[in-house]
Amino acid sequence: MSKGEFMKELAAREWPACPVETTLSLIGSKWKVLILRDLAAGPLRFGELQRSIGHVSQKVLTSQLRSMEADGLVHREVYAEVPPRVEYSLTELGQSLAPVIDALKEWGLNFKKHLG
C-alpha cells in the first residue's frame, strides 16, 4: 500500500471531533508514549525495545506495536536473514510527535522540581 493510499485509509476512519481526544486515541496508553520515547532515538529490535521500556509483557508490547503500525506511527522492517531480524522505527508521522513527548518530559521534570 502506498503512503497516499494509507493516508486516505486513515482519513476515512471516524475520528473524535476534539483534536486532543484524537491525539489521545493514538498515543493515550502508557506503553505507546514509552514506545515513542524510545524509538525517537532510532530503530530498535523487539527485545531491545522491551528492555528499554521495562515491565511490559511481550503480548502487550506486540499489541501496542501492531496498533501503532496500523495508525501509521511505527514502521516494522523484517530482514530476510536467518534467524529473521525485525526492527521497529518511527514513521515520519510518528516522528512528528517528538514535540509532544518533549513537552511531557519537560512537564514531568518541572513537576518533580515542585515536589522537592
PDB file of N, CA and C in Angstrom:
ATOM      1  N   MET A   1       0.850  -1.171   0.000  1.00  0.00           N
ATOM      2  CA  MET A   1       0.000   0.000   0.000  1.00  0.00           C
ATOM      3  C   MET A   1       0.896   1.235   0.000  1.00  0.00           C
ATOM      4  N   SER A   2       0.600   2.159  -0.877  1.00  0.00           N
ATOM      5  CA  SER A   2       1.397   3.387  -0.959  1.00  0.00           C
ATOM      6  C   SER A   2       1.072   4.299   0.217  1.00  0.00           C
ATOM      7  N   LYS A   3       1.955   5.277   0.435  1.00  0.00           N
ATOM      8  CA  LYS A   3       1.744   6.223   1.528  1.00  0.00           C
ATOM      9  C   LYS A   3       0.442   6.995   1.333  1.00  0.00           C
ATOM     10  N   GLY A   4       0.165   7.391   0.090  1.00  0.00           N
ATOM     11  CA  GLY A   4      -1.064   8.126  -0.205  1.00  0.00           C
ATOM     12  C   GLY A   4      -2.308   7.302   0.090  1.00  0.00           C
ATOM     13  N   GLU A   5      -2.281   6.030  -0.295  1.00  0.00           N
ATOM     14  CA  GLU A   5      -3.413   5.140  -0.021  1.00  0.00           C
ATOM     15  C   GLU A   5      -3.591   4.950   1.480  1.00  0.00           C
ATOM     16  N   PHE A   6      -2.457   4.799   2.163  1.00  0.00           N
ATOM     17  CA  PHE A   6      -2.517   4.610   3.610  1.00  0.00           C
ATOM     18  C   PHE A   6      -3.121   5.834   4.289  1.00  0.00           C
ATOM     19  N   MET A   7      -2.704   7.018   3.864  1.00  0.00           N
ATOM     20  CA  MET A   7      -3.225   8.245   4.464  1.00  0.00           C
ATOM     21  C   MET A   7      -4.721   8.399   4.167  1.00  0.00           C
ATOM     22  N   LYS A   8      -5.159   7.993   2.972  1.00  0.00           N
ATOM     23  CA  LYS A   8      -6.596   8.026   2.656  1.00  0.00           C
ATOM     24  C   LYS A   8      -7.358   7.081   3.569  1.00  0.00           C
ATOM     25  N   GLU A   9      -6.766   5.919   3.843  1.00  0.00           N
ATOM     26  CA  GLU A   9      -7.395   4.950   4.741  1.00  0.00           C
ATOM     27  C   GLU A   9      -7.519   5.523   6.154  1.00  0.00           C
ATOM     28  N   LEU A  10      -6.459   6.183   6.628  1.00  0.00           N
ATOM     29  CA  LEU A  10      -6.524   6.824   7.945  1.00  0.00           C
ATOM     30  C   LEU A  10      -7.582   7.920   7.971  1.00  0.00           C
ATOM     31  N   ALA A  11      -7.630   8.708   6.907  1.00  0.00           N
ATOM     32  CA  ALA A  11      -8.596   9.812   6.832  1.00  0.00           C
ATOM     33  C   ALA A  11     -10.031   9.292   6.806  1.00  0.00           C
ATOM     34  N   ALA A  12     -10.232   8.090   6.288  1.00  0.00           N
ATOM     35  CA  ALA A  12     -11.575   7.528   6.184  1.00  0.00           C
ATOM     36  C   ALA A  12     -12.101   7.024   7.535  1.00  0.00           C
ATOM     37  N   ARG A  13     -11.211   6.824   8.484  1.00  0.00           N
ATOM     38  CA  ARG A  13     -11.651   6.385   9.819  1.00  0.00           C
ATOM     39  C   ARG A  13     -12.467   7.491  10.482  1.00  0.00           C
ATOM     40  N   GLU A  14     -13.304   7.085  11.412  1.00  0.00           N
ATOM     41  CA  GLU A  14     -14.084   8.064  12.167  1.00  0.00           C
ATOM     42  C   GLU A  14     -13.258   8.485  13.382  1.00  0.00           C
ATOM     43  N   TRP A  15     -12.870   9.753  13.421  1.00  0.00           N
ATOM     44  CA  TRP A  15     -12.042  10.285  14.489  1.00  0.00           C
ATOM     45  C   TRP A  15     -12.882  11.188  15.381  1.00  0.00           C
ATOM     46  N   PRO A  16     -12.504  11.319  16.649  1.00  0.00           N
ATOM     47  CA  PRO A  16     -13.237  12.216  17.549  1.00  0.00           C
ATOM     48  C   PRO A  16     -13.188  13.666  17.038  1.00  0.00           C
ATOM     49  N   ALA A  17     -14.202  14.432  17.370  1.00  0.00           N
ATOM     50  CA  ALA A  17     -14.246  15.841  16.952  1.00  0.00           C
ATOM     51  C   ALA A  17     -13.171  16.660  17.655  1.00  0.00           C
ATOM     52  N   CYS A  18     -12.862  16.314  18.878  1.00  0.00           N
ATOM     53  CA  CYS A  18     -11.873  17.055  19.668  1.00  0.00           C
ATOM     54  C   CYS A  18     -10.458  16.610  19.279  1.00  0.00           C
ATOM     55  N   PRO A  19      -9.579  17.538  18.879  1.00  0.00           N
ATOM     56  CA  PRO A  19      -8.218  17.173  18.488  1.00  0.00           C
ATOM     57  C   PRO A  19      -7.402  16.537  19.618  1.00  0.00           C
ATOM     58  N   VAL A  20      -7.644  16.963  20.866  1.00  0.00           N
ATOM     59  CA  VAL A  20      -6.936  16.363  21.995  1.00  0.00           C
ATOM     60  C   VAL A  20      -7.353  14.908  22.140  1.00  0.00           C
ATOM     61  N   GLU A  21      -8.633  14.643  21.998  1.00  0.00           N
ATOM     62  CA  GLU A  21      -9.141  13.269  22.082  1.00  0.00           C
ATOM     63  C   GLU A  21      -8.580  12.425  20.942  1.00  0.00           C
ATOM     64  N   THR A  22      -8.438  13.006  19.769  1.00  0.00           N
ATOM     65  CA  THR A  22      -7.848  12.284  18.630  1.00  0.00           C
ATOM     66  C   THR A  22      -6.416  11.879  18.967  1.00  0.00           C
ATOM     67  N   THR A  23      -5.636  12.822  19.487  1.00  0.00           N
ATOM     68  CA  THR A  23      -4.250  12.528  19.849  1.00  0.00           C
ATOM     69  C   THR A  23      -4.197  11.441  20.916  1.00  0.00           C
ATOM     70  N   LEU A  24      -5.036  11.565  21.930  1.00  0.00           N
ATOM     71  CA  LEU A  24      -5.055  10.565  22.991  1.00  0.00           C
ATOM     72  C   LEU A  24      -5.496   9.197  22.486  1.00  0.00           C
ATOM     73  N   SER A  25      -6.357   9.156  21.479  1.00  0.00           N
ATOM     74  CA  SER A  25      -6.764   7.861  20.935  1.00  0.00           C
ATOM     75  C   SER A  25      -5.593   7.171  20.239  1.00  0.00           C
ATOM     76  N   LEU A  26      -4.633   7.952  19.772  1.00  0.00           N
ATOM     77  CA  LEU A  26      -3.460   7.393  19.092  1.00  0.00           C
ATOM     78  C   LEU A  26      -2.322   7.058  20.060  1.00  0.00           C
ATOM     79  N   ILE A  27      -2.115   7.867  21.085  1.00  0.00           N
ATOM     80  CA  ILE A  27      -0.963   7.665  21.970  1.00  0.00           C
ATOM     81  C   ILE A  27      -1.346   7.627  23.439  1.00  0.00           C
ATOM     82  N   GLY A  28      -2.600   7.412  23.742  1.00  0.00           N
ATOM     83  CA  GLY A  28      -3.098   7.551  25.100  1.00  0.00           C
ATOM     84  C   GLY A  28      -2.685   6.500  26.096  1.00  0.00           C
ATOM     85  N   SER A  29      -2.038   5.428  25.668  1.00  0.00           N
ATOM     86  CA  SER A  29      -1.629   4.434  26.662  1.00  0.00           C
ATOM     87  C   SER A  29      -0.207   4.719  27.127  1.00  0.00           C
ATOM     88  N   LYS A  30       0.065   4.332  28.342  1.00  0.00           N
ATOM     89  CA  LYS A  30       1.403   4.491  28.920  1.00  0.00           C
ATOM     90  C   LYS A  30       2.451   3.862  28.007  1.00  0.00           C
ATOM     91  N   TRP A  31       2.150   2.681  27.485  1.00  0.00           N
ATOM     92  CA  TRP A  31       3.131   1.947  26.685  1.00  0.00           C
ATOM     93  C   TRP A  31       3.417   2.649  25.365  1.00  0.00           C
ATOM     94  N   LYS A  32       2.400   3.204  24.743  1.00  0.00           N
ATOM     95  CA  LYS A  32       2.609   3.872  23.459  1.00  0.00           C
ATOM     96  C   LYS A  32       3.511   5.088  23.611  1.00  0.00           C
ATOM     97  N   VAL A  33       3.329   5.833  24.670  1.00  0.00           N
ATOM     98  CA  VAL A  33       4.175   7.009  24.904  1.00  0.00           C
ATOM     99  C   VAL A  33       5.619   6.564  25.125  1.00  0.00           C
ATOM    100  N   LEU A  34       5.815   5.482  25.863  1.00  0.00           N
ATOM    101  CA  LEU A  34       7.175   4.993  26.108  1.00  0.00           C
ATOM    102  C   LEU A  34       7.798   4.417  24.842  1.00  0.00           C
ATOM    103  N   ILE A  35       6.999   3.790  24.003  1.00  0.00           N
ATOM    104  CA  ILE A  35       7.489   3.300  22.710  1.00  0.00           C
ATOM    105  C   ILE A  35       7.956   4.480  21.870  1.00  0.00           C
ATOM    106  N   LEU A  36       7.153   5.524  21.804  1.00  0.00           N
ATOM    107  CA  LEU A  36       7.535   6.729  21.056  1.00  0.00           C
ATOM    108  C   LEU A  36       8.822   7.322  21.606  1.00  0.00           C
ATOM    109  N   ARG A  37       8.915   7.406  22.920  1.00  0.00           N
ATOM    110  CA  ARG A  37      10.110   7.953  23.569  1.00  0.00           C
ATOM    111  C   ARG A  37      11.361   7.180  23.159  1.00  0.00           C
ATOM    112  N   ASP A  38      11.281   5.855  23.214  1.00  0.00           N
ATOM    113  CA  ASP A  38      12.466   5.039  22.968  1.00  0.00           C
ATOM    114  C   ASP A  38      12.809   4.925  21.486  1.00  0.00           C
ATOM    115  N   LEU A  39      11.801   4.899  20.620  1.00  0.00           N
ATOM    116  CA  LEU A  39      12.090   4.816  19.183  1.00  0.00           C
ATOM    117  C   LEU A  39      12.544   6.157  18.609  1.00  0.00           C
ATOM    118  N   ALA A  40      12.348   7.235  19.355  1.00  0.00           N
ATOM    119  CA  ALA A  40      12.800   8.548  18.888  1.00  0.00           C
ATOM    120  C   ALA A  40      14.316   8.573  18.716  1.00  0.00           C
ATOM    121  N   ALA A  41      15.025   7.741  19.471  1.00  0.00           N
ATOM    122  CA  ALA A  41      16.486   7.683  19.385  1.00  0.00           C
ATOM    123  C   ALA A  41      16.959   6.872  18.182  1.00  0.00           C
ATOM    124  N   GLY A  42      16.059   6.113  17.561  1.00  0.00           N
ATOM    125  CA  GLY A  42      16.438   5.317  16.399  1.00  0.00           C
ATOM    126  C   GLY A  42      15.795   3.941  16.455  1.00  0.00           C
ATOM    127  N   PRO A  43      15.964   3.169  15.381  1.00  0.00           N
ATOM    128  CA  PRO A  43      15.341   1.848  15.293  1.00  0.00           C
ATOM    129  C   PRO A  43      15.817   0.902  16.399  1.00  0.00           C
ATOM    130  N   LEU A  44      14.900   0.055  16.851  1.00  0.00           N
ATOM    131  CA  LEU A  44      15.212  -0.945  17.865  1.00  0.00           C
ATOM    132  C   LEU A  44      14.576  -2.270  17.489  1.00  0.00           C
ATOM    133  N   ARG A  45      15.241  -3.339  17.872  1.00  0.00           N
ATOM    134  CA  ARG A  45      14.641  -4.664  17.738  1.00  0.00           C
ATOM    135  C   ARG A  45      13.671  -4.861  18.894  1.00  0.00           C
ATOM    136  N   PHE A  46      12.788  -5.853  18.753  1.00  0.00           N
ATOM    137  CA  PHE A  46      11.740  -6.075  19.746  1.00  0.00           C
ATOM    138  C   PHE A  46      12.321  -6.221  21.153  1.00  0.00           C
ATOM    139  N   GLY A  47      13.313  -7.088  21.311  1.00  0.00           N
ATOM    140  CA  GLY A  47      13.901  -7.332  22.628  1.00  0.00           C
ATOM    141  C   GLY A  47      14.541  -6.089  23.209  1.00  0.00           C
ATOM    142  N   GLU A  48      15.211  -5.308  22.366  1.00  0.00           N
ATOM    143  CA  GLU A  48      15.826  -4.065  22.823  1.00  0.00           C
ATOM    144  C   GLU A  48      14.763  -3.087  23.308  1.00  0.00           C
ATOM    145  N   LEU A  49      13.675  -3.011  22.562  1.00  0.00           N
ATOM    146  CA  LEU A  49      12.584  -2.117  22.928  1.00  0.00           C
ATOM    147  C   LEU A  49      11.934  -2.567  24.232  1.00  0.00           C
ATOM    148  N   GLN A  50      11.723  -3.857  24.371  1.00  0.00           N
ATOM    149  CA  GLN A  50      11.122  -4.387  25.591  1.00  0.00           C
ATOM    150  C   GLN A  50      12.003  -4.100  26.807  1.00  0.00           C
ATOM    151  N   ARG A  51      13.314  -4.272  26.660  1.00  0.00           N
ATOM    152  CA  ARG A  51      14.235  -3.985  27.771  1.00  0.00           C
ATOM    153  C   ARG A  51      14.273  -2.486  28.094  1.00  0.00           C
ATOM    154  N   SER A  52      14.233  -1.658  27.064  1.00  0.00           N
ATOM    155  CA  SER A  52      14.321  -0.218  27.308  1.00  0.00           C
ATOM    156  C   SER A  52      13.072   0.318  27.999  1.00  0.00           C
ATOM    157  N   ILE A  53      11.936  -0.276  27.695  1.00  0.00           N
ATOM    158  CA  ILE A  53      10.683   0.152  28.330  1.00  0.00           C
ATOM    159  C   ILE A  53      10.584  -0.416  29.740  1.00  0.00           C
ATOM    160  N   GLY A  54      10.877  -1.704  29.876  1.00  0.00           N
ATOM    161  CA  GLY A  54      10.820  -2.355  31.177  1.00  0.00           C
ATOM    162  C   GLY A  54       9.400  -2.680  31.602  1.00  0.00           C
ATOM    163  N   HIS A  55       9.216  -3.782  32.271  1.00  0.00           N
ATOM    164  CA  HIS A  55       7.950  -4.208  32.876  1.00  0.00           C
ATOM    165  C   HIS A  55       6.759  -4.244  31.918  1.00  0.00           C
ATOM    166  N   VAL A  56       6.988  -4.476  30.641  1.00  0.00           N
ATOM    167  CA  VAL A  56       5.882  -4.657  29.702  1.00  0.00           C
ATOM    168  C   VAL A  56       5.972  -6.086  29.181  1.00  0.00           C
ATOM    169  N   SER A  57       4.833  -6.759  29.146  1.00  0.00           N
ATOM    170  CA  SER A  57       4.843  -8.136  28.666  1.00  0.00           C
ATOM    171  C   SER A  57       5.007  -8.158  27.149  1.00  0.00           C
ATOM    172  N   GLN A  58       5.454  -9.294  26.656  1.00  0.00           N
ATOM    173  CA  GLN A  58       5.624  -9.470  25.212  1.00  0.00           C
ATOM    174  C   GLN A  58       4.284  -9.289  24.498  1.00  0.00           C
ATOM    175  N   LYS A  59       3.225  -9.836  25.089  1.00  0.00           N
ATOM    176  CA  LYS A  59       1.892  -9.746  24.490  1.00  0.00           C
ATOM    177  C   LYS A  59       1.430  -8.294  24.366  1.00  0.00           C
ATOM    178  N   VAL A  60       1.592  -7.533  25.434  1.00  0.00           N
ATOM    179  CA  VAL A  60       1.149  -6.134  25.433  1.00  0.00           C
ATOM    180  C   VAL A  60       1.991  -5.306  24.467  1.00  0.00           C
ATOM    181  N   LEU A  61       3.300  -5.500  24.487  1.00  0.00           N
ATOM    182  CA  LEU A  61       4.168  -4.746  23.585  1.00  0.00           C
ATOM    183  C   LEU A  61       3.839  -5.055  22.131  1.00  0.00           C
ATOM    184  N   THR A  62       3.632  -6.319  21.821  1.00  0.00           N
ATOM    185  CA  THR A  62       3.266  -6.708  20.460  1.00  0.00           C
ATOM    186  C   THR A  62       1.969  -6.039  20.041  1.00  0.00           C
ATOM    187  N   SER A  63       0.985  -6.061  20.925  1.00  0.00           N
ATOM    188  CA  SER A  63      -0.312  -5.446  20.640  1.00  0.00           C
ATOM    189  C   SER A  63      -0.178  -3.942  20.397  1.00  0.00           C
ATOM    190  N   GLN A  64       0.587  -3.272  21.249  1.00  0.00           N
ATOM    191  CA  GLN A  64       0.762  -1.822  21.115  1.00  0.00           C
ATOM    192  C   GLN A  64       1.505  -1.473  19.828  1.00  0.00           C
ATOM    193  N   LEU A  65       2.535  -2.252  19.498  1.00  0.00           N
ATOM    194  CA  LEU A  65       3.287  -2.004  18.260  1.00  0.00           C
ATOM    195  C   LEU A  65       2.408  -2.213  17.036  1.00  0.00           C
ATOM    196  N   ARG A  66       1.590  -3.255  17.044  1.00  0.00           N
ATOM    197  CA  ARG A  66       0.682  -3.505  15.911  1.00  0.00           C
ATOM    198  C   ARG A  66      -0.316  -2.363  15.749  1.00  0.00           C
ATOM    199  N   SER A  67      -0.840  -1.886  16.858  1.00  0.00           N
ATOM    200  CA  SER A  67      -1.789  -0.776  16.819  1.00  0.00           C
ATOM    201  C   SER A  67      -1.115   0.483  16.272  1.00  0.00           C
ATOM    202  N   MET A  68       0.097   0.759  16.733  1.00  0.00           N
ATOM    203  CA  MET A  68       0.811   1.943  16.283  1.00  0.00           C
ATOM    204  C   MET A  68       1.220   1.826  14.813  1.00  0.00           C
ATOM    205  N   GLU A  69       1.502   0.612  14.377  1.00  0.00           N
ATOM    206  CA  GLU A  69       1.797   0.382  12.965  1.00  0.00           C
ATOM    207  C   GLU A  69       0.548   0.634  12.119  1.00  0.00           C
ATOM    208  N   ALA A  70      -0.596   0.153  12.588  1.00  0.00           N
ATOM    209  CA  ALA A  70      -1.859   0.367  11.875  1.00  0.00           C
ATOM    210  C   ALA A  70      -2.238   1.842  11.818  1.00  0.00           C
ATOM    211  N   ASP A  71      -1.823   2.597  12.832  1.00  0.00           N
ATOM    212  CA  ASP A  71      -2.109   4.034  12.877  1.00  0.00           C
ATOM    213  C   ASP A  71      -1.069   4.868  12.133  1.00  0.00           C
ATOM    214  N   GLY A  72      -0.050   4.206  11.590  1.00  0.00           N
ATOM    215  CA  GLY A  72       0.956   4.910  10.803  1.00  0.00           C
ATOM    216  C   GLY A  72       2.038   5.595  11.611  1.00  0.00           C
ATOM    217  N   LEU A  73       2.174   5.227  12.882  1.00  0.00           N
ATOM    218  CA  LEU A  73       3.180   5.858  13.740  1.00  0.00           C
ATOM    219  C   LEU A  73       4.500   5.090  13.777  1.00  0.00           C
ATOM    220  N   VAL A  74       4.414   3.777  13.586  1.00  0.00           N
ATOM    221  CA  VAL A  74       5.581   2.898  13.685  1.00  0.00           C
ATOM    222  C   VAL A  74       5.720   2.091  12.401  1.00  0.00           C
ATOM    223  N   HIS A  75       6.971   1.900  11.996  1.00  0.00           N
ATOM    224  CA  HIS A  75       7.278   1.058  10.832  1.00  0.00           C
ATOM    225  C   HIS A  75       7.967  -0.208  11.324  1.00  0.00           C
ATOM    226  N   ARG A  76       7.540  -1.344  10.798  1.00  0.00           N
ATOM    227  CA  ARG A  76       8.123  -2.642  11.147  1.00  0.00           C
ATOM    228  C   ARG A  76       8.883  -3.140   9.923  1.00  0.00           C
ATOM    229  N   GLU A  77      10.177  -3.339  10.087  1.00  0.00           N
ATOM    230  CA  GLU A  77      11.028  -3.798   8.984  1.00  0.00           C
ATOM    231  C   GLU A  77      11.515  -5.205   9.291  1.00  0.00           C
ATOM    232  N   VAL A  78      11.195  -6.155   8.388  1.00  0.00           N
ATOM    233  CA  VAL A  78      11.631  -7.535   8.542  1.00  0.00           C
ATOM    234  C   VAL A  78      12.761  -7.774   7.554  1.00  0.00           C
ATOM    235  N   TYR A  79      13.898  -8.226   8.068  1.00  0.00           N
ATOM    236  CA  TYR A  79      15.055  -8.502   7.228  1.00  0.00           C
ATOM    237  C   TYR A  79      15.118 -10.000   6.942  1.00  0.00           C
ATOM    238  N   ALA A  80      15.374 -10.335   5.693  1.00  0.00           N
ATOM    239  CA  ALA A  80      15.423 -11.736   5.257  1.00  0.00           C
ATOM    240  C   ALA A  80      16.768 -12.339   5.662  1.00  0.00           C
ATOM    241  N   GLU A  81      16.878 -12.660   6.926  1.00  0.00           N
ATOM    242  CA  GLU A  81      18.082 -13.261   7.474  1.00  0.00           C
ATOM    243  C   GLU A  81      17.682 -14.503   8.259  1.00  0.00           C
ATOM    244  N   VAL A  82      18.664 -15.317   8.588  1.00  0.00           N
ATOM    245  CA  VAL A  82      18.415 -16.473   9.431  1.00  0.00           C
ATOM    246  C   VAL A  82      19.246 -16.306  10.688  1.00  0.00           C
ATOM    247  N   PRO A  83      18.637 -16.169  11.853  1.00  0.00           N
ATOM    248  CA  PRO A  83      17.193 -16.037  12.075  1.00  0.00           C
ATOM    249  C   PRO A  83      16.701 -14.663  11.611  1.00  0.00           C
ATOM    250  N   PRO A  84      15.399 -14.560  11.347  1.00  0.00           N
ATOM    251  CA  PRO A  84      14.847 -13.285  10.875  1.00  0.00           C
ATOM    252  C   PRO A  84      15.099 -12.168  11.891  1.00  0.00           C
ATOM    253  N   ARG A  85      15.372 -10.990  11.380  1.00  0.00           N
ATOM    254  CA  ARG A  85      15.596  -9.823  12.227  1.00  0.00           C
ATOM    255  C   ARG A  85      14.478  -8.828  11.936  1.00  0.00           C
ATOM    256  N   VAL A  86      13.890  -8.312  12.987  1.00  0.00           N
ATOM    257  CA  VAL A  86      12.806  -7.330  12.853  1.00  0.00           C
ATOM    258  C   VAL A  86      13.209  -6.085  13.629  1.00  0.00           C
ATOM    259  N   GLU A  87      13.082  -4.932  12.977  1.00  0.00           N
ATOM    260  CA  GLU A  87      13.370  -3.663  13.635  1.00  0.00           C
ATOM    261  C   GLU A  87      12.140  -2.765  13.560  1.00  0.00           C
ATOM    262  N   TYR A  88      11.964  -1.986  14.600  1.00  0.00           N
ATOM    263  CA  TYR A  88      10.877  -1.022  14.658  1.00  0.00           C
ATOM    264  C   TYR A  88      11.470   0.376  14.650  1.00  0.00           C
ATOM    265  N   SER A  89      10.817   1.269  13.946  1.00  0.00           N
ATOM    266  CA  SER A  89      11.250   2.663  13.889  1.00  0.00           C
ATOM    267  C   SER A  89      10.015   3.543  13.778  1.00  0.00           C
ATOM    268  N   LEU A  90      10.206   4.825  14.020  1.00  0.00           N
ATOM    269  CA  LEU A  90       9.108   5.769  13.874  1.00  0.00           C
ATOM    270  C   LEU A  90       8.970   6.180  12.415  1.00  0.00           C
ATOM    271  N   THR A  91       7.745   6.290  11.973  1.00  0.00           N
ATOM    272  CA  THR A  91       7.480   6.840  10.654  1.00  0.00           C
ATOM    273  C   THR A  91       7.621   8.361  10.745  1.00  0.00           C
ATOM    274  N   GLU A  92       7.483   9.023   9.627  1.00  0.00           N
ATOM    275  CA  GLU A  92       7.503  10.488   9.628  1.00  0.00           C
ATOM    276  C   GLU A  92       6.391  11.030  10.532  1.00  0.00           C
ATOM    277  N   LEU A  93       5.228  10.394  10.456  1.00  0.00           N
ATOM    278  CA  LEU A  93       4.102  10.791  11.302  1.00  0.00           C
ATOM    279  C   LEU A  93       4.438  10.568  12.780  1.00  0.00           C
ATOM    280  N   GLY A  94       5.046   9.434  13.090  1.00  0.00           N
ATOM    281  CA  GLY A  94       5.454   9.144  14.465  1.00  0.00           C
ATOM    282  C   GLY A  94       6.495  10.134  14.956  1.00  0.00           C
ATOM    283  N   GLN A  95       7.438  10.493  14.105  1.00  0.00           N
ATOM    284  CA  GLN A  95       8.473  11.460  14.466  1.00  0.00           C
ATOM    285  C   GLN A  95       7.872  12.838  14.744  1.00  0.00           C
ATOM    286  N   SER A  96       6.751  13.124  14.096  1.00  0.00           N
ATOM    287  CA  SER A  96       6.126  14.437  14.306  1.00  0.00           C
ATOM    288  C   SER A  96       5.566  14.589  15.720  1.00  0.00           C
ATOM    289  N   LEU A  97       5.508  13.495  16.478  1.00  0.00           N
ATOM    290  CA  LEU A  97       5.039  13.555  17.868  1.00  0.00           C
ATOM    291  C   LEU A  97       6.165  13.908  18.849  1.00  0.00           C
ATOM    292  N   ALA A  98       7.389  14.077  18.358  1.00  0.00           N
ATOM    293  CA  ALA A  98       8.526  14.389  19.232  1.00  0.00           C
ATOM    294  C   ALA A  98       8.267  15.616  20.115  1.00  0.00           C
ATOM    295  N   PRO A  99       7.713  16.708  19.582  1.00  0.00           N
ATOM    296  CA  PRO A  99       7.451  17.861  20.468  1.00  0.00           C
ATOM    297  C   PRO A  99       6.449  17.543  21.584  1.00  0.00           C
ATOM    298  N   VAL A 100       5.512  16.665  21.312  1.00  0.00           N
ATOM    299  CA  VAL A 100       4.532  16.263  22.330  1.00  0.00           C
ATOM    300  C   VAL A 100       5.242  15.492  23.439  1.00  0.00           C
ATOM    301  N   ILE A 101       6.095  14.545  23.053  1.00  0.00           N
ATOM    302  CA  ILE A 101       6.834  13.743  24.032  1.00  0.00           C
ATOM    303  C   ILE A 101       7.796  14.647  24.816  1.00  0.00           C
ATOM    304  N   ASP A 102       8.449  15.573  24.123  1.00  0.00           N
ATOM    305  CA  ASP A 102       9.351  16.520  24.794  1.00  0.00           C
ATOM    306  C   ASP A 102       8.595  17.364  25.811  1.00  0.00           C
ATOM    307  N   ALA A 103       7.382  17.799  25.454  1.00  0.00           N
ATOM    308  CA  ALA A 103       6.570  18.603  26.376  1.00  0.00           C
ATOM    309  C   ALA A 103       6.177  17.779  27.608  1.00  0.00           C
ATOM    310  N   LEU A 104       5.851  16.513  27.406  1.00  0.00           N
ATOM    311  CA  LEU A 104       5.526  15.642  28.540  1.00  0.00           C
ATOM    312  C   LEU A 104       6.749  15.470  29.448  1.00  0.00           C
ATOM    313  N   LYS A 105       7.913  15.302  28.846  1.00  0.00           N
ATOM    314  CA  LYS A 105       9.149  15.162  29.626  1.00  0.00           C
ATOM    315  C   LYS A 105       9.413  16.425  30.434  1.00  0.00           C
ATOM    316  N   GLU A 106       9.297  17.574  29.795  1.00  0.00           N
ATOM    317  CA  GLU A 106       9.552  18.856  30.473  1.00  0.00           C
ATOM    318  C   GLU A 106       8.568  19.066  31.616  1.00  0.00           C
ATOM    319  N   TRP A 107       7.311  18.745  31.387  1.00  0.00           N
ATOM    320  CA  TRP A 107       6.315  18.897  32.437  1.00  0.00           C
ATOM    321  C   TRP A 107       6.643  17.983  33.612  1.00  0.00           C
ATOM    322  N   GLY A 108       7.035  16.751  33.322  1.00  0.00           N
ATOM    323  CA  GLY A 108       7.390  15.815  34.381  1.00  0.00           C
ATOM    324  C   GLY A 108       8.587  16.282  35.187  1.00  0.00           C
ATOM    325  N   LEU A 109       9.585  16.838  34.526  1.00  0.00           N
ATOM    326  CA  LEU A 109      10.750  17.383  35.221  1.00  0.00           C
ATOM    327  C   LEU A 109      10.347  18.546  36.136  1.00  0.00           C
ATOM    328  N   ASN A 110       9.523  19.441  35.631  1.00  0.00           N
ATOM    329  CA  ASN A 110       9.060  20.578  36.438  1.00  0.00           C
ATOM    330  C   ASN A 110       8.215  20.123  37.617  1.00  0.00           C
ATOM    331  N   PHE A 111       7.379  19.124  37.395  1.00  0.00           N
ATOM    332  CA  PHE A 111       6.554  18.589  38.475  1.00  0.00           C
ATOM    333  C   PHE A 111       7.437  18.044  39.585  1.00  0.00           C
ATOM    334  N   LYS A 112       8.463  17.286  39.216  1.00  0.00           N
ATOM    335  CA  LYS A 112       9.364  16.709  40.209  1.00  0.00           C
ATOM    336  C   LYS A 112      10.121  17.795  40.977  1.00  0.00           C
ATOM    337  N   LYS A 113      10.462  18.890  40.300  1.00  0.00           N
ATOM    338  CA  LYS A 113      11.131  20.024  40.972  1.00  0.00           C
ATOM    339  C   LYS A 113      10.227  20.618  42.045  1.00  0.00           C
ATOM    340  N   HIS A 114       8.934  20.706  41.740  1.00  0.00           N
ATOM    341  CA  HIS A 114       7.974  21.272  42.696  1.00  0.00           C
ATOM    342  C   HIS A 114       7.778  20.378  43.900  1.00  0.00           C
ATOM    343  N   LEU A 115       8.042  19.105  43.754  1.00  0.00           N
ATOM    344  CA  LEU A 115       7.852  18.171  44.864  1.00  0.00           C
ATOM    345  C   LEU A 115       8.955  18.252  45.905  1.00  0.00           C
ATOM    346  N   GLY A 116      10.128  18.618  45.445  1.00  0.00           N
ATOM    347  CA  GLY A 116      11.194  18.558  46.432  1.00  0.00           C
ATOM    348  C   GLY A 116      12.266  19.502  46.225  1.00  0.00           C
TER     349      GLY A 116
END
